[in-house]
Amino acid sequence: MNTVATKGLLAIGIASMVLLLGACSISVDDKDKKNEKVDIKTPFASLKVDSNEKDVDNGIPVYPGAHLRPAGKDGDNHSANINLGAMGFGLKVIAAEYETSDAPDKVKAFYEDKMKRFGGMLVCNGHSGGSDIHVTAHQKDDAGDGKLSCSDTSGDGWEVKAGTSDNEHLVSIEPNGSGTRFGTVLVQTKGKDTL
């Protein structure tokens, strides 16, 4: 999932800058040589990245019969649990990308039913930022109510969104040959105004 990788790289970049400012500790769980867990702590910030399949449960049910997309040739995982905290700001992203041989309309209907439990729900045509499945952390609108919108979506497929801009559950669905590729994502943000 390109956005998970992008957010991970962004978080690592931020953490790297913070590392230069003070003492830090770095822990890498490398028992099985997959580098699935990284934990970086400094006096100013912390970053945890976990790509282990067991740790990517984001509360969104997985479509029956779907399976996680296999890692790419470059070793890019299609799932991650990322937690970043720094001086009054926090970001948590838990994302996984799946495949199924079922048609996109069936997957969309399943998630239109299941996502209602997370609060106000929207079904948007297209995806945020283009055709790749990814997530954008949304900012609160001028009214400050944290409502989600479809204003940034375009292209094929759908996004099913539920919750608020601070606690967003999202499923991004797109055709994949005769089947479907979809990603489930939880994005939680905390800022000075919500801590």
Protein backbone atom coordinates (compact mmCIF):
# COMPACT_ATOMS: atom_id res chain seq x y z
CA MET A 1 0.00 0.00 0.00
CA ASN A 2 1.86 3.05 -1.22
CA THR A 3 0.39 5.47 1.31
CA VAL A 4 1.26 3.27 4.25
CA ALA A 5 4.85 3.24 3.00
CA THR A 6 4.74 6.99 2.38
CA LYS A 7 3.36 7.73 5.84
CA GLY A 8 5.93 5.37 7.32
CA LEU A 9 8.76 7.14 5.50
CA LEU A 10 7.41 10.54 6.56
CA ALA A 11 7.18 9.39 10.16
CA ILE A 12 10.69 7.95 9.98
CA GLY A 13 11.97 11.22 8.47
CA ILE A 14 10.39 13.25 11.29
CA ALA A 15 11.74 10.84 13.86
CA SER A 16 15.22 11.04 12.29
CA MET A 17 15.25 14.81 12.68
CA VAL A 18 14.17 14.49 16.29
CA LEU A 19 16.94 11.95 16.89
CA LEU A 20 19.49 14.64 16.16
CA LEU A 21 18.09 16.77 18.97
CA GLY A 22 18.57 14.40 21.87
CA ALA A 23 19.36 11.03 23.27
CA CYS A 24 17.36 8.17 21.87
CA SER A 25 16.79 4.46 21.92
CA ILE A 26 16.14 2.29 18.90
CA SER A 27 14.77 -1.23 19.03
CA VAL A 28 14.32 -3.49 16.01
CA ASP A 29 12.61 -6.86 16.37
CA ASP A 30 14.55 -8.95 13.87
CA LYS A 31 13.89 -12.49 15.15
CA ASP A 32 12.67 -13.77 11.80
CA LYS A 33 14.75 -11.41 9.60
CA LYS A 34 11.63 -9.59 8.37
CA ASN A 35 12.23 -6.37 10.38
CA GLU A 36 8.53 -6.30 11.28
CA LYS A 37 8.86 -4.03 14.33
CA VAL A 38 10.77 -0.80 14.85
CA ASP A 39 10.54 1.29 18.04
CA ILE A 40 12.32 4.67 18.29
CA LYS A 41 12.14 6.81 21.44
CA THR A 42 13.66 10.21 22.10
CA PRO A 43 13.01 12.77 24.83
CA PHE A 44 10.81 14.62 22.33
CA ALA A 45 9.04 11.96 20.27
CA SER A 46 8.37 8.29 19.73
CA LEU A 47 7.73 6.19 16.66
CA LYS A 48 6.52 2.61 16.49
CA VAL A 49 6.08 0.74 13.21
CA ASP A 50 4.79 -2.82 13.10
CA SER A 51 4.05 -4.69 9.88
CA ASN A 52 3.27 -8.04 11.50
CA GLU A 53 -0.06 -9.42 10.19
CA LYS A 54 -1.25 -10.06 13.76
CA ASP A 55 -0.90 -6.40 14.72
CA VAL A 56 -2.90 -4.76 11.92
CA ASP A 57 -6.40 -5.31 13.32
CA ASN A 58 -8.02 -1.90 12.89
CA GLY A 59 -11.52 -2.97 13.96
CA ILE A 60 -12.88 -3.00 10.41
CA PRO A 61 -14.15 -6.47 9.49
CA VAL A 62 -12.37 -8.21 6.62
CA TYR A 63 -14.54 -9.13 3.64
CA PRO A 64 -15.29 -12.88 3.80
CA GLY A 65 -12.80 -14.93 1.79
CA ALA A 66 -10.41 -12.02 1.17
CA HIS A 67 -6.69 -12.44 1.81
CA LEU A 68 -3.89 -9.98 2.56
CA ARG A 69 -2.02 -8.87 -0.55
CA PRO A 70 1.32 -10.64 -0.62
CA ALA A 71 4.49 -8.61 -0.08
CA GLY A 72 5.89 -7.13 -3.26
CA LYS A 73 9.12 -8.21 -4.93
CA ASP A 74 10.88 -5.35 -3.15
CA GLY A 75 9.66 -6.67 0.22
CA ASP A 76 7.02 -3.93 0.54
CA ASN A 77 4.36 -5.13 2.98
CA HIS A 78 0.75 -4.22 2.38
CA SER A 79 -0.07 -3.80 6.05
CA ALA A 80 1.24 -1.63 8.88
CA ASN A 81 0.51 -0.32 12.35
CA ILE A 82 2.18 3.09 12.76
CA ASN A 83 2.14 5.20 15.93
CA LEU A 84 3.84 8.59 16.08
CA GLY A 85 3.81 10.86 19.11
CA ALA A 86 5.59 14.18 19.53
CA MET A 87 5.04 17.07 21.91
CA GLY A 88 1.26 17.37 21.88
CA PHE A 89 0.61 15.55 18.61
CA GLY A 90 -0.22 11.93 17.91
CA LEU A 91 -0.96 9.96 14.77
CA LYS A 92 -2.05 6.34 14.61
CA VAL A 93 -2.55 4.58 11.27
CA ILE A 94 -3.47 0.90 11.07
CA ALA A 95 -3.86 -0.23 7.49
CA ALA A 96 -4.02 -3.45 5.52
CA GLU A 97 -4.63 -4.17 1.86
CA TYR A 98 -6.56 -7.22 0.66
CA GLU A 99 -7.64 -9.01 -2.51
CA THR A 100 -10.72 -11.04 -3.34
CA SER A 101 -12.05 -12.68 -6.49
CA ASP A 102 -15.50 -11.17 -5.81
CA ALA A 103 -16.73 -8.18 -7.81
CA PRO A 104 -16.20 -4.64 -6.44
CA ASP A 105 -19.98 -4.06 -6.11
CA LYS A 106 -20.25 -6.99 -3.68
CA VAL A 107 -17.36 -5.69 -1.58
CA LYS A 108 -18.88 -2.19 -1.57
CA ALA A 109 -22.29 -3.52 -0.43
CA PHE A 110 -20.62 -5.48 2.40
CA TYR A 111 -18.82 -2.38 3.70
CA GLU A 112 -21.83 -0.09 3.31
CA ASP A 113 -23.49 -2.34 5.88
CA LYS A 114 -20.52 -2.93 8.21
CA MET A 115 -19.14 0.62 8.42
CA LYS A 116 -22.33 2.08 9.95
CA ARG A 117 -21.17 1.00 13.42
CA PHE A 118 -18.35 3.57 13.36
CA GLY A 119 -20.64 6.62 13.12
CA GLY A 120 -21.67 8.91 10.27
CA MET A 121 -20.90 7.15 7.00
CA LEU A 122 -20.15 8.39 3.46
CA VAL A 123 -19.71 6.49 0.22
CA CYS A 124 -17.46 8.46 -2.13
CA ASN A 125 -16.88 7.80 -5.82
CA GLY A 126 -13.17 7.43 -6.54
CA HIS A 127 -10.19 7.69 -4.20
CA SER A 128 -8.35 10.48 -2.41
CA GLY A 129 -5.41 11.69 -4.45
CA GLY A 130 -5.68 9.43 -7.49
CA SER A 131 -6.02 5.81 -8.45
CA ASP A 132 -3.74 4.18 -5.84
CA ILE A 133 -5.41 3.00 -2.66
CA HIS A 134 -4.25 5.23 0.13
CA VAL A 135 -5.38 7.39 3.00
CA THR A 136 -5.07 11.08 3.67
CA ALA A 137 -5.45 12.29 7.24
CA HIS A 138 -8.19 14.90 6.96
CA GLN A 139 -8.10 18.21 8.77
CA LYS A 140 -11.13 19.56 10.60
CA ASP A 141 -13.19 21.91 8.50
CA ASP A 142 -13.60 25.60 9.39
CA ALA A 143 -16.60 24.79 11.59
CA GLY A 144 -14.36 22.46 13.61
CA ASP A 145 -16.94 19.67 13.61
CA GLY A 146 -14.59 17.00 12.22
CA LYS A 147 -17.06 15.75 9.59
CA LEU A 148 -15.70 13.67 6.74
CA SER A 149 -16.25 14.62 3.12
CA CYS A 150 -15.86 13.31 -0.42
CA SER A 151 -14.37 16.56 -1.74
CA ASP A 152 -10.94 15.05 -2.40
CA THR A 153 -11.95 11.88 -4.28
CA SER A 154 -11.81 11.11 -7.99
CA GLY A 155 -11.23 8.21 -10.39
CA ASP A 156 -12.48 4.62 -10.28
CA GLY A 157 -13.79 2.68 -7.31
CA TRP A 158 -15.10 3.95 -3.99
CA GLU A 159 -14.15 5.02 -0.52
CA VAL A 160 -16.48 4.11 2.32
CA LYS A 161 -15.73 6.45 5.23
CA ALA A 162 -17.13 6.52 8.75
CA GLY A 163 -16.44 8.41 11.96
CA THR A 164 -14.80 11.83 12.22
CA SER A 165 -11.62 13.46 10.98
CA ASP A 166 -9.94 12.58 14.31
CA ASN A 167 -11.16 8.96 14.29
CA GLU A 168 -11.68 7.89 10.69
CA HIS A 169 -12.42 4.36 9.50
CA LEU A 170 -12.00 4.01 5.77
CA VAL A 171 -12.27 1.27 3.16
CA SER A 172 -10.88 2.02 -0.29
CA ILE A 173 -12.24 -0.30 -3.01
CA GLU A 174 -11.13 -0.66 -6.61
CA PRO A 175 -11.39 -3.21 -9.44
CA ASN A 176 -8.49 -5.64 -9.79
CA GLY A 177 -8.92 -7.68 -12.97
CA SER A 178 -12.18 -9.61 -12.49
CA GLY A 179 -11.86 -9.26 -8.70
CA THR A 180 -11.30 -6.50 -6.18
CA ARG A 181 -8.43 -4.91 -4.31
CA PHE A 182 -9.34 -3.02 -1.15
CA GLY A 183 -7.68 -1.46 1.84
CA THR A 184 -9.02 -1.01 5.37
CA VAL A 185 -7.59 1.89 7.36
CA LEU A 186 -8.00 3.45 10.79
CA VAL A 187 -6.60 6.98 11.12
CA GLN A 188 -6.64 8.56 14.57
CA THR A 189 -5.09 11.96 15.26
CA LYS A 190 -4.61 13.84 18.48
CA GLY A 191 -3.43 17.42 18.67
CA LYS A 192 -2.99 19.96 21.41
CA ASP A 193 -6.71 20.76 21.20
CA THR A 194 -7.74 17.10 21.69
CA LEU A 195 -5.18 15.89 24.27
